[in-house]
């Protein structure tokens, strides 16, 4: 079965999405949540707490130190006992395992992605 044709957006619509480079500086379980943990991401000018839907595949302590791509202008959303202030970008891996986007060369934390 093929995927439906994507709904196209304009360049102006895409430019509203703020994507930045960040580094996970801490991660911990969220009480009562089995699939999600909390990560603190340093984006250079500030630190953001985000919910990470990867707890079935990755231990929070193993997530620390990763360089990630984060959407910084997504509306905050309550998740369990926390509020997620961004979203980490990931691809769908085998069996639904998230494969988090990263970079292959050094870039300063907070660098914008175009």
PDB file of N, CA and C in Angstrom:
ATOM      1  N   UNK A   1       0.848  -1.175   0.000  1.00  0.00           N
ATOM      2  CA  UNK A   1       0.000   0.000   0.000  1.00  0.00           C
ATOM      3  C   UNK A   1       0.895   1.240   0.000  1.00  0.00           C
ATOM      4  N   UNK A   2       0.625   2.144  -0.886  1.00  0.00           N
ATOM      5  CA  UNK A   2       1.460   3.343  -0.977  1.00  0.00           C
ATOM      6  C   UNK A   2       0.958   4.427  -0.033  1.00  0.00           C
ATOM      7  N   UNK A   3       1.886   5.311   0.308  1.00  0.00           N
ATOM      8  CA  UNK A   3       1.531   6.427   1.186  1.00  0.00           C
ATOM      9  C   UNK A   3       0.740   7.460   0.399  1.00  0.00           C
ATOM     10  N   UNK A   4      -0.171   8.176   1.066  1.00  0.00           N
ATOM     11  CA  UNK A   4      -0.905   9.232   0.363  1.00  0.00           C
ATOM     12  C   UNK A   4       0.045  10.361  -0.031  1.00  0.00           C
ATOM     13  N   UNK A   5      -0.319  11.067  -1.076  1.00  0.00           N
ATOM     14  CA  UNK A   5       0.500  12.199  -1.528  1.00  0.00           C
ATOM     15  C   UNK A   5       0.579  13.235  -0.414  1.00  0.00           C
ATOM     16  N   UNK A   6       1.778  13.797  -0.196  1.00  0.00           N
ATOM     17  CA  UNK A   6       1.918  14.790   0.877  1.00  0.00           C
ATOM     18  C   UNK A   6       1.186  16.085   0.545  1.00  0.00           C
ATOM     19  N   UNK A   7       0.742  16.755   1.583  1.00  0.00           N
ATOM     20  CA  UNK A   7       0.165  18.086   1.404  1.00  0.00           C
ATOM     21  C   UNK A   7       1.331  19.057   1.367  1.00  0.00           C
ATOM     22  N   UNK A   8       1.472  19.772   0.272  1.00  0.00           N
ATOM     23  CA  UNK A   8       2.594  20.688   0.127  1.00  0.00           C
ATOM     24  C   UNK A   8       2.395  21.946   0.955  1.00  0.00           C
ATOM     25  N   UNK A   9       3.499  22.472   1.476  1.00  0.00           N
ATOM     26  CA  UNK A   9       3.484  23.749   2.176  1.00  0.00           C
ATOM     27  C   UNK A   9       4.378  24.708   1.403  1.00  0.00           C
ATOM     28  N   UNK A  10       4.203  25.975   1.660  1.00  0.00           N
ATOM     29  CA  UNK A  10       5.027  26.972   0.982  1.00  0.00           C
ATOM     30  C   UNK A  10       6.353  27.135   1.719  1.00  0.00           C
ATOM     31  N   UNK A  11       7.306  27.757   1.040  1.00  0.00           N
ATOM     32  CA  UNK A  11       8.584  28.051   1.676  1.00  0.00           C
ATOM     33  C   UNK A  11       8.364  28.929   2.902  1.00  0.00           C
ATOM     34  N   UNK A  12       7.459  29.909   2.805  1.00  0.00           N
ATOM     35  CA  UNK A  12       7.179  30.790   3.945  1.00  0.00           C
ATOM     36  C   UNK A  12       6.647  29.998   5.134  1.00  0.00           C
ATOM     37  N   UNK A  13       5.801  29.006   4.876  1.00  0.00           N
ATOM     38  CA  UNK A  13       5.298  28.176   5.969  1.00  0.00           C
ATOM     39  C   UNK A  13       6.435  27.374   6.601  1.00  0.00           C
ATOM     40  N   UNK A  14       7.293  26.789   5.768  1.00  0.00           N
ATOM     41  CA  UNK A  14       8.414  26.012   6.288  1.00  0.00           C
ATOM     42  C   UNK A  14       9.370  26.886   7.085  1.00  0.00           C
ATOM     43  N   UNK A  15       9.565  28.117   6.653  1.00  0.00           N
ATOM     44  CA  UNK A  15      10.518  29.003   7.338  1.00  0.00           C
ATOM     45  C   UNK A  15      10.048  29.387   8.740  1.00  0.00           C
ATOM     46  N   UNK A  16       8.805  29.107   9.070  1.00  0.00           N
ATOM     47  CA  UNK A  16       8.305  29.378  10.425  1.00  0.00           C
ATOM     48  C   UNK A  16       8.824  28.356  11.438  1.00  0.00           C
ATOM     49  N   UNK A  17       9.285  27.205  10.957  1.00  0.00           N
ATOM     50  CA  UNK A  17       9.779  26.147  11.837  1.00  0.00           C
ATOM     51  C   UNK A  17      11.223  26.459  12.207  1.00  0.00           C
ATOM     52  N   UNK A  18      11.502  26.573  13.498  1.00  0.00           N
ATOM     53  CA  UNK A  18      12.857  26.864  13.975  1.00  0.00           C
ATOM     54  C   UNK A  18      13.513  25.565  14.426  1.00  0.00           C
ATOM     55  N   UNK A  19      14.509  25.131  13.665  1.00  0.00           N
ATOM     56  CA  UNK A  19      15.265  23.926  13.980  1.00  0.00           C
ATOM     57  C   UNK A  19      16.668  24.333  14.387  1.00  0.00           C
ATOM     58  N   UNK A  20      17.151  23.764  15.489  1.00  0.00           N
ATOM     59  CA  UNK A  20      18.469  24.127  16.007  1.00  0.00           C
ATOM     60  C   UNK A  20      19.236  22.882  16.440  1.00  0.00           C
ATOM     61  N   UNK A  21      20.548  23.057  16.573  1.00  0.00           N
ATOM     62  CA  UNK A  21      21.415  22.008  17.095  1.00  0.00           C
ATOM     63  C   UNK A  21      21.431  22.107  18.617  1.00  0.00           C
ATOM     64  N   UNK A  22      21.294  20.976  19.286  1.00  0.00           N
ATOM     65  CA  UNK A  22      21.353  20.945  20.742  1.00  0.00           C
ATOM     66  C   UNK A  22      22.127  19.735  21.229  1.00  0.00           C
ATOM     67  N   UNK A  23      22.462  19.760  22.503  1.00  0.00           N
ATOM     68  CA  UNK A  23      23.150  18.619  23.127  1.00  0.00           C
ATOM     69  C   UNK A  23      22.371  18.224  24.370  1.00  0.00           C
ATOM     70  N   UNK A  24      22.090  16.933  24.493  1.00  0.00           N
ATOM     71  CA  UNK A  24      21.371  16.415  25.659  1.00  0.00           C
ATOM     72  C   UNK A  24      22.332  16.422  26.842  1.00  0.00           C
ATOM     73  N   UNK A  25      21.985  17.197  27.889  1.00  0.00           N
ATOM     74  CA  UNK A  25      22.873  17.309  29.048  1.00  0.00           C
ATOM     75  C   UNK A  25      22.381  16.505  30.248  1.00  0.00           C
ATOM     76  N   UNK A  26      21.108  16.120  30.239  1.00  0.00           N
ATOM     77  CA  UNK A  26      20.600  15.229  31.283  1.00  0.00           C
ATOM     78  C   UNK A  26      19.329  14.565  30.776  1.00  0.00           C
ATOM     79  N   UNK A  27      19.000  13.432  31.369  1.00  0.00           N
ATOM     80  CA  UNK A  27      17.776  12.714  31.015  1.00  0.00           C
ATOM     81  C   UNK A  27      17.364  11.859  32.198  1.00  0.00           C
ATOM     82  N   UNK A  28      16.058  11.761  32.395  1.00  0.00           N
ATOM     83  CA  UNK A  28      15.543  10.989  33.531  1.00  0.00           C
ATOM     84  C   UNK A  28      14.127  10.518  33.242  1.00  0.00           C
ATOM     85  N   UNK A  29      13.711   9.440  33.913  1.00  0.00           N
ATOM     86  CA  UNK A  29      12.340   8.956  33.733  1.00  0.00           C
ATOM     87  C   UNK A  29      11.324   9.995  34.206  1.00  0.00           C
ATOM     88  N   UNK A  30      10.113   9.883  33.680  1.00  0.00           N
ATOM     89  CA  UNK A  30       8.981  10.686  34.145  1.00  0.00           C
ATOM     90  C   UNK A  30       8.082   9.730  34.914  1.00  0.00           C
ATOM     91  N   UNK A  31       7.758  10.063  36.154  1.00  0.00           N
ATOM     92  CA  UNK A  31       6.932   9.191  36.992  1.00  0.00           C
ATOM     93  C   UNK A  31       5.640   8.817  36.269  1.00  0.00           C
ATOM     94  N   UNK A  32       5.346   7.522  36.249  1.00  0.00           N
ATOM     95  CA  UNK A  32       4.111   7.033  35.661  1.00  0.00           C
ATOM     96  C   UNK A  32       4.125   6.892  34.150  1.00  0.00           C
ATOM     97  N   UNK A  33       5.231   7.218  33.505  1.00  0.00           N
ATOM     98  CA  UNK A  33       5.310   7.142  32.038  1.00  0.00           C
ATOM     99  C   UNK A  33       6.263   6.010  31.651  1.00  0.00           C
ATOM    100  N   UNK A  34       5.805   5.087  30.813  1.00  0.00           N
ATOM    101  CA  UNK A  34       6.636   3.954  30.406  1.00  0.00           C
ATOM    102  C   UNK A  34       7.323   4.172  29.064  1.00  0.00           C
ATOM    103  N   UNK A  35       6.730   4.991  28.196  1.00  0.00           N
ATOM    104  CA  UNK A  35       7.257   5.167  26.844  1.00  0.00           C
ATOM    105  C   UNK A  35       8.047   6.456  26.663  1.00  0.00           C
ATOM    106  N   UNK A  36       7.973   7.351  27.649  1.00  0.00           N
ATOM    107  CA  UNK A  36       8.533   8.700  27.500  1.00  0.00           C
ATOM    108  C   UNK A  36       9.447   9.019  28.675  1.00  0.00           C
ATOM    109  N   UNK A  37      10.566   9.703  28.401  1.00  0.00           N
ATOM    110  CA  UNK A  37      11.403  10.237  29.471  1.00  0.00           C
ATOM    111  C   UNK A  37      11.676  11.711  29.209  1.00  0.00           C
ATOM    112  N   UNK A  38      12.191  12.385  30.217  1.00  0.00           N
ATOM    113  CA  UNK A  38      12.488  13.815  30.121  1.00  0.00           C
ATOM    114  C   UNK A  38      13.961  13.998  29.820  1.00  0.00           C
ATOM    115  N   UNK A  39      14.261  14.892  28.867  1.00  0.00           N
ATOM    116  CA  UNK A  39      15.650  15.239  28.562  1.00  0.00           C
ATOM    117  C   UNK A  39      15.805  16.750  28.629  1.00  0.00           C
ATOM    118  N   UNK A  40      16.947  17.193  29.122  1.00  0.00           N
ATOM    119  CA  UNK A  40      17.293  18.609  29.092  1.00  0.00           C
ATOM    120  C   UNK A  40      18.296  18.800  27.968  1.00  0.00           C
ATOM    121  N   UNK A  41      17.971  19.733  27.064  1.00  0.00           N
ATOM    122  CA  UNK A  41      18.782  19.965  25.870  1.00  0.00           C
ATOM    123  C   UNK A  41      19.352  21.377  25.925  1.00  0.00           C
ATOM    124  N   UNK A  42      20.666  21.483  25.802  1.00  0.00           N
ATOM    125  CA  UNK A  42      21.364  22.773  25.759  1.00  0.00           C
ATOM    126  C   UNK A  42      21.373  23.241  24.310  1.00  0.00           C
ATOM    127  N   UNK A  43      20.753  24.409  24.050  1.00  0.00           N
ATOM    128  CA  UNK A  43      20.747  24.958  22.694  1.00  0.00           C
ATOM    129  C   UNK A  43      21.577  26.241  22.615  1.00  0.00           C
ATOM    130  N   UNK A  44      22.547  26.345  23.495  1.00  0.00           N
ATOM    131  CA  UNK A  44      23.476  27.473  23.445  1.00  0.00           C
ATOM    132  C   UNK A  44      23.025  28.659  24.264  1.00  0.00           C
ATOM    133  N   UNK A  45      21.875  29.223  23.942  1.00  0.00           N
ATOM    134  CA  UNK A  45      21.373  30.402  24.645  1.00  0.00           C
ATOM    135  C   UNK A  45      20.478  30.045  25.823  1.00  0.00           C
ATOM    136  N   UNK A  46      20.036  28.803  25.884  1.00  0.00           N
ATOM    137  CA  UNK A  46      19.152  28.351  26.963  1.00  0.00           C
ATOM    138  C   UNK A  46      19.134  26.833  26.993  1.00  0.00           C
ATOM    139  N   UNK A  47      18.509  26.309  28.024  1.00  0.00           N
ATOM    140  CA  UNK A  47      18.319  24.870  28.157  1.00  0.00           C
ATOM    141  C   UNK A  47      16.820  24.600  28.111  1.00  0.00           C
ATOM    142  N   UNK A  48      16.431  23.559  27.391  1.00  0.00           N
ATOM    143  CA  UNK A  48      15.025  23.208  27.230  1.00  0.00           C
ATOM    144  C   UNK A  48      14.767  21.813  27.756  1.00  0.00           C
ATOM    145  N   UNK A  49      13.637  21.640  28.448  1.00  0.00           N
ATOM    146  CA  UNK A  49      13.185  20.310  28.843  1.00  0.00           C
ATOM    147  C   UNK A  49      12.209  19.820  27.785  1.00  0.00           C
ATOM    148  N   UNK A  50      12.460  18.611  27.276  1.00  0.00           N
ATOM    149  CA  UNK A  50      11.592  18.028  26.259  1.00  0.00           C
ATOM    150  C   UNK A  50      11.246  16.594  26.638  1.00  0.00           C
ATOM    151  N   UNK A  51      10.072  16.165  26.224  1.00  0.00           N
ATOM    152  CA  UNK A  51       9.675  14.772  26.390  1.00  0.00           C
ATOM    153  C   UNK A  51      10.218  13.987  25.202  1.00  0.00           C
ATOM    154  N   UNK A  52      10.786  12.821  25.484  1.00  0.00           N
ATOM    155  CA  UNK A  52      11.389  11.983  24.448  1.00  0.00           C
ATOM    156  C   UNK A  52      10.659  10.642  24.435  1.00  0.00           C
ATOM    157  N   UNK A  53       9.971  10.350  23.352  1.00  0.00           N
ATOM    158  CA  UNK A  53       9.198   9.114  23.243  1.00  0.00           C
ATOM    159  C   UNK A  53      10.034   7.937  22.791  1.00  0.00           C
ATOM    160  N   UNK A  54      11.056   7.616  23.568  1.00  0.00           N
ATOM    161  CA  UNK A  54      11.980   6.550  23.169  1.00  0.00           C
ATOM    162  C   UNK A  54      12.312   5.604  24.311  1.00  0.00           C
ATOM    163  N   UNK A  55      11.578   5.680  25.412  1.00  0.00           N
ATOM    164  CA  UNK A  55      11.941   4.909  26.604  1.00  0.00           C
ATOM    165  C   UNK A  55      11.846   3.394  26.408  1.00  0.00           C
ATOM    166  N   UNK A  56      11.114   2.936  25.399  1.00  0.00           N
ATOM    167  CA  UNK A  56      11.048   1.494  25.144  1.00  0.00           C
ATOM    168  C   UNK A  56      12.340   0.977  24.523  1.00  0.00           C
ATOM    169  N   UNK A  57      13.154   1.868  23.965  1.00  0.00           N
ATOM    170  CA  UNK A  57      14.363   1.464  23.245  1.00  0.00           C
ATOM    171  C   UNK A  57      15.655   2.023  23.831  1.00  0.00           C
ATOM    172  N   UNK A  58      15.578   3.158  24.503  1.00  0.00           N
ATOM    173  CA  UNK A  58      16.783   3.845  24.976  1.00  0.00           C
ATOM    174  C   UNK A  58      16.629   4.167  26.458  1.00  0.00           C
ATOM    175  N   UNK A  59      17.644   3.862  27.253  1.00  0.00           N
ATOM    176  CA  UNK A  59      17.643   4.271  28.658  1.00  0.00           C
ATOM    177  C   UNK A  59      17.970   5.758  28.712  1.00  0.00           C
ATOM    178  N   UNK A  60      17.309   6.505  29.596  1.00  0.00           N
ATOM    179  CA  UNK A  60      17.592   7.942  29.681  1.00  0.00           C
ATOM    180  C   UNK A  60      19.079   8.251  29.839  1.00  0.00           C
ATOM    181  N   UNK A  61      19.773   7.483  30.691  1.00  0.00           N
ATOM    182  CA  UNK A  61      21.193   7.766  30.930  1.00  0.00           C
ATOM    183  C   UNK A  61      22.051   7.530  29.681  1.00  0.00           C
ATOM    184  N   UNK A  62      21.585   6.684  28.765  1.00  0.00           N
ATOM    185  CA  UNK A  62      22.321   6.437  27.523  1.00  0.00           C
ATOM    186  C   UNK A  62      22.072   7.522  26.478  1.00  0.00           C
ATOM    187  N   UNK A  63      21.100   8.386  26.728  1.00  0.00           N
ATOM    188  CA  UNK A  63      20.752   9.460  25.788  1.00  0.00           C
ATOM    189  C   UNK A  63      21.598  10.714  26.033  1.00  0.00           C
ATOM    190  N   UNK A  64      22.154  10.825  27.231  1.00  0.00           N
ATOM    191  CA  UNK A  64      22.957  11.996  27.604  1.00  0.00           C
ATOM    192  C   UNK A  64      24.205  12.071  26.726  1.00  0.00           C
ATOM    193  N   UNK A  65      24.505  13.283  26.265  1.00  0.00           N
ATOM    194  CA  UNK A  65      25.685  13.508  25.438  1.00  0.00           C
ATOM    195  C   UNK A  65      25.408  13.521  23.949  1.00  0.00           C
ATOM    196  N   UNK A  66      24.223  13.128  23.544  1.00  0.00           N
ATOM    197  CA  UNK A  66      23.899  13.106  22.115  1.00  0.00           C
ATOM    198  C   UNK A  66      23.705  14.524  21.577  1.00  0.00           C
ATOM    199  N   UNK A  67      24.167  14.733  20.369  1.00  0.00           N
ATOM    200  CA  UNK A  67      23.865  15.959  19.639  1.00  0.00           C
ATOM    201  C   UNK A  67      22.596  15.680  18.845  1.00  0.00           C
ATOM    202  N   UNK A  68      21.611  16.577  18.957  1.00  0.00           N
ATOM    203  CA  UNK A  68      20.291  16.345  18.375  1.00  0.00           C
ATOM    204  C   UNK A  68      19.825  17.566  17.594  1.00  0.00           C
ATOM    205  N   UNK A  69      18.761  17.362  16.822  1.00  0.00           N
ATOM    206  CA  UNK A  69      18.081  18.451  16.127  1.00  0.00           C
ATOM    207  C   UNK A  69      16.772  18.673  16.869  1.00  0.00           C
ATOM    208  N   UNK A  70      16.531  19.918  17.292  1.00  0.00           N
ATOM    209  CA  UNK A  70      15.349  20.241  18.089  1.00  0.00           C
ATOM    210  C   UNK A  70      14.542  21.353  17.424  1.00  0.00           C
ATOM    211  N   UNK A  71      13.228  21.173  17.403  1.00  0.00           N
ATOM    212  CA  UNK A  71      12.322  22.242  16.982  1.00  0.00           C
ATOM    213  C   UNK A  71      12.054  23.080  18.226  1.00  0.00           C
ATOM    214  N   UNK A  72      12.420  24.366  18.156  1.00  0.00           N
ATOM    215  CA  UNK A  72      12.354  25.217  19.350  1.00  0.00           C
ATOM    216  C   UNK A  72      11.120  26.110  19.413  1.00  0.00           C
ATOM    217  N   UNK A  73      10.310  26.145  18.363  1.00  0.00           N
ATOM    218  CA  UNK A  73       9.148  27.033  18.426  1.00  0.00           C
ATOM    219  C   UNK A  73       7.824  26.277  18.354  1.00  0.00           C
ATOM    220  N   UNK A  74       7.848  25.018  18.762  1.00  0.00           N
ATOM    221  CA  UNK A  74       6.622  24.246  18.886  1.00  0.00           C
ATOM    222  C   UNK A  74       5.928  24.666  20.184  1.00  0.00           C
ATOM    223  N   UNK A  75       4.623  24.799  20.136  1.00  0.00           N
ATOM    224  CA  UNK A  75       3.868  25.202  21.326  1.00  0.00           C
ATOM    225  C   UNK A  75       4.126  24.211  22.465  1.00  0.00           C
ATOM    226  N   UNK A  76       4.455  24.699  23.680  1.00  0.00           N
ATOM    227  CA  UNK A  76       4.676  23.800  24.822  1.00  0.00           C
ATOM    228  C   UNK A  76       3.470  22.882  25.037  1.00  0.00           C
ATOM    229  N   UNK A  77       3.769  21.638  25.459  1.00  0.00           N
ATOM    230  CA  UNK A  77       2.712  20.642  25.624  1.00  0.00           C
ATOM    231  C   UNK A  77       2.929  19.861  26.910  1.00  0.00           C
ATOM    232  N   UNK A  78       1.879  19.760  27.749  1.00  0.00           N
ATOM    233  CA  UNK A  78       2.006  18.957  28.964  1.00  0.00           C
ATOM    234  C   UNK A  78       2.120  17.470  28.614  1.00  0.00           C
ATOM    235  N   UNK A  79       3.098  16.813  29.228  1.00  0.00           N
ATOM    236  CA  UNK A  79       3.300  15.366  29.070  1.00  0.00           C
ATOM    237  C   UNK A  79       3.531  14.824  30.479  1.00  0.00           C
ATOM    238  N   UNK A  80       2.581  14.092  31.009  1.00  0.00           N
ATOM    239  CA  UNK A  80       2.717  13.593  32.375  1.00  0.00           C
ATOM    240  C   UNK A  80       2.888  14.749  33.338  1.00  0.00           C
ATOM    241  N   UNK A  81       3.929  14.683  34.163  1.00  0.00           N
ATOM    242  CA  UNK A  81       4.161  15.706  35.188  1.00  0.00           C
ATOM    243  C   UNK A  81       5.035  16.856  34.696  1.00  0.00           C
ATOM    244  N   UNK A  82       5.344  16.903  33.403  1.00  0.00           N
ATOM    245  CA  UNK A  82       6.224  17.959  32.882  1.00  0.00           C
ATOM    246  C   UNK A  82       5.557  18.661  31.704  1.00  0.00           C
ATOM    247  N   UNK A  83       6.177  19.733  31.264  1.00  0.00           N
ATOM    248  CA  UNK A  83       5.775  20.410  30.036  1.00  0.00           C
ATOM    249  C   UNK A  83       6.935  20.302  29.064  1.00  0.00           C
ATOM    250  N   UNK A  84       6.653  19.758  27.882  1.00  0.00           N
ATOM    251  CA  UNK A  84       7.683  19.612  26.858  1.00  0.00           C
ATOM    252  C   UNK A  84       7.794  20.920  26.082  1.00  0.00           C
ATOM    253  N   UNK A  85       9.008  21.447  25.998  1.00  0.00           N
ATOM    254  CA  UNK A  85       9.260  22.736  25.355  1.00  0.00           C
ATOM    255  C   UNK A  85      10.104  22.567  24.099  1.00  0.00           C
ATOM    256  N   UNK A  86       9.634  21.724  23.207  1.00  0.00           N
ATOM    257  CA  UNK A  86      10.312  21.473  21.949  1.00  0.00           C
ATOM    258  C   UNK A  86      10.095  20.039  21.536  1.00  0.00           C
ATOM    259  N   UNK A  87      10.639  19.698  20.374  1.00  0.00           N
ATOM    260  CA  UNK A  87      10.546  18.328  19.884  1.00  0.00           C
ATOM    261  C   UNK A  87      11.846  17.958  19.191  1.00  0.00           C
ATOM    262  N   UNK A  88      12.360  16.778  19.525  1.00  0.00           N
ATOM    263  CA  UNK A  88      13.554  16.272  18.870  1.00  0.00           C
ATOM    264  C   UNK A  88      13.138  15.550  17.593  1.00  0.00           C
ATOM    265  N   UNK A  89      13.884  15.767  16.510  1.00  0.00           N
ATOM    266  CA  UNK A  89      13.553  15.133  15.244  1.00  0.00           C
ATOM    267  C   UNK A  89      14.134  13.730  15.180  1.00  0.00           C
ATOM    268  N   UNK A  90      13.312  12.809  14.684  1.00  0.00           N
ATOM    269  CA  UNK A  90      13.726  11.413  14.566  1.00  0.00           C
ATOM    270  C   UNK A  90      13.042  10.786  13.362  1.00  0.00           C
ATOM    271  N   UNK A  91      13.704   9.803  12.792  1.00  0.00           N
ATOM    272  CA  UNK A  91      13.126   8.998  11.717  1.00  0.00           C
ATOM    273  C   UNK A  91      12.533   7.735  12.332  1.00  0.00           C
ATOM    274  N   UNK A  92      11.605   7.118  11.602  1.00  0.00           N
ATOM    275  CA  UNK A  92      11.040   5.846  12.038  1.00  0.00           C
ATOM    276  C   UNK A  92      12.000   4.729  11.664  1.00  0.00           C
ATOM    277  N   UNK A  93      12.551   4.082  12.679  1.00  0.00           N
ATOM    278  CA  UNK A  93      13.457   2.962  12.445  1.00  0.00           C
ATOM    279  C   UNK A  93      12.705   1.651  12.467  1.00  0.00           C
ATOM    280  N   UNK A  94      13.441   0.537  12.415  1.00  0.00           N
ATOM    281  CA  UNK A  94      12.805  -0.779  12.461  1.00  0.00           C
ATOM    282  C   UNK A  94      11.951  -0.948  13.717  1.00  0.00           C
ATOM    283  N   UNK A  95      10.782  -1.543  13.533  1.00  0.00           N
ATOM    284  CA  UNK A  95       9.858  -1.828  14.629  1.00  0.00           C
ATOM    285  C   UNK A  95       9.473  -0.585  15.414  1.00  0.00           C
ATOM    286  N   UNK A  96       9.498   0.583  14.749  1.00  0.00           N
ATOM    287  CA  UNK A  96       9.073   1.823  15.389  1.00  0.00           C
ATOM    288  C   UNK A  96      10.117   2.511  16.231  1.00  0.00           C
ATOM    289  N   UNK A  97      11.317   1.934  16.316  1.00  0.00           N
ATOM    290  CA  UNK A  97      12.379   2.556  17.119  1.00  0.00           C
ATOM    291  C   UNK A  97      12.758   3.903  16.509  1.00  0.00           C
ATOM    292  N   UNK A  98      12.737   4.980  17.317  1.00  0.00           N
ATOM    293  CA  UNK A  98      13.129   6.280  16.784  1.00  0.00           C
ATOM    294  C   UNK A  98      14.634   6.353  16.536  1.00  0.00           C
ATOM    295  N   UNK A  99      15.001   6.899  15.383  1.00  0.00           N
ATOM    296  CA  UNK A  99      16.400   7.125  15.027  1.00  0.00           C
ATOM    297  C   UNK A  99      16.575   8.642  15.000  1.00  0.00           C
ATOM    298  N   UNK A 100      17.243   9.181  16.011  1.00  0.00           N
ATOM    299  CA  UNK A 100      17.319  10.631  16.176  1.00  0.00           C
ATOM    300  C   UNK A 100      18.287  11.267  15.192  1.00  0.00           C
ATOM    301  N   UNK A 101      17.835  12.367  14.580  1.00  0.00           N
ATOM    302  CA  UNK A 101      18.672  13.090  13.634  1.00  0.00           C
ATOM    303  C   UNK A 101      19.806  13.777  14.371  1.00  0.00           C
ATOM    304  N   UNK A 102      20.966  13.796  13.745  1.00  0.00           N
ATOM    305  CA  UNK A 102      22.141  14.432  14.307  1.00  0.00           C
ATOM    306  C   UNK A 102      22.936  15.055  13.168  1.00  0.00           C
ATOM    307  N   UNK A 103      24.116  15.545  13.470  1.00  0.00           N
ATOM    308  CA  UNK A 103      24.979  16.130  12.447  1.00  0.00           C
ATOM    309  C   UNK A 103      26.289  15.360  12.410  1.00  0.00           C
ATOM    310  N   UNK A 104      26.976  15.426  11.280  1.00  0.00           N
ATOM    311  CA  UNK A 104      28.217  14.667  11.131  1.00  0.00           C
ATOM    312  C   UNK A 104      29.459  15.515  11.330  1.00  0.00           C
ATOM    313  N   UNK A 105      29.294  16.829  11.419  1.00  0.00           N
ATOM    314  CA  UNK A 105      30.410  17.730  11.684  1.00  0.00           C
ATOM    315  C   UNK A 105      30.037  18.620  12.862  1.00  0.00           C
ATOM    316  N   UNK A 106      31.037  19.251  13.461  1.00  0.00           N
ATOM    317  CA  UNK A 106      30.793  20.126  14.606  1.00  0.00           C
ATOM    318  C   UNK A 106      30.076  21.402  14.169  1.00  0.00           C
ATOM    319  N   UNK A 107      29.129  21.823  14.976  1.00  0.00           N
ATOM    320  CA  UNK A 107      28.446  23.104  14.803  1.00  0.00           C
ATOM    321  C   UNK A 107      28.124  23.610  16.198  1.00  0.00           C
ATOM    322  N   UNK A 108      28.193  24.915  16.418  1.00  0.00           N
ATOM    323  CA  UNK A 108      27.894  25.445  17.749  1.00  0.00           C
ATOM    324  C   UNK A 108      26.466  25.109  18.182  1.00  0.00           C
ATOM    325  N   UNK A 109      26.303  24.867  19.486  1.00  0.00           N
ATOM    326  CA  UNK A 109      24.960  24.643  20.018  1.00  0.00           C
ATOM    327  C   UNK A 109      24.111  25.859  19.697  1.00  0.00           C
ATOM    328  N   UNK A 110      22.880  25.617  19.297  1.00  0.00           N
ATOM    329  CA  UNK A 110      21.979  26.702  18.937  1.00  0.00           C
ATOM    330  C   UNK A 110      22.044  27.096  17.477  1.00  0.00           C
ATOM    331  N   UNK A 111      22.968  26.487  16.714  1.00  0.00           N
ATOM    332  CA  UNK A 111      23.041  26.800  15.282  1.00  0.00           C
ATOM    333  C   UNK A 111      21.713  26.480  14.624  1.00  0.00           C
ATOM    334  N   UNK A 112      21.254  27.380  13.764  1.00  0.00           N
ATOM    335  CA  UNK A 112      20.007  27.163  13.030  1.00  0.00           C
ATOM    336  C   UNK A 112      20.227  26.183  11.895  1.00  0.00           C
ATOM    337  N   UNK A 113      19.199  25.418  11.610  1.00  0.00           N
ATOM    338  CA  UNK A 113      19.214  24.493  10.480  1.00  0.00           C
ATOM    339  C   UNK A 113      18.321  25.092   9.409  1.00  0.00           C
ATOM    340  N   UNK A 114      18.824  25.120   8.196  1.00  0.00           N
ATOM    341  CA  UNK A 114      18.081  25.731   7.080  1.00  0.00           C
ATOM    342  C   UNK A 114      17.633  24.665   6.116  1.00  0.00           C
TER     343      UNK A 114
END
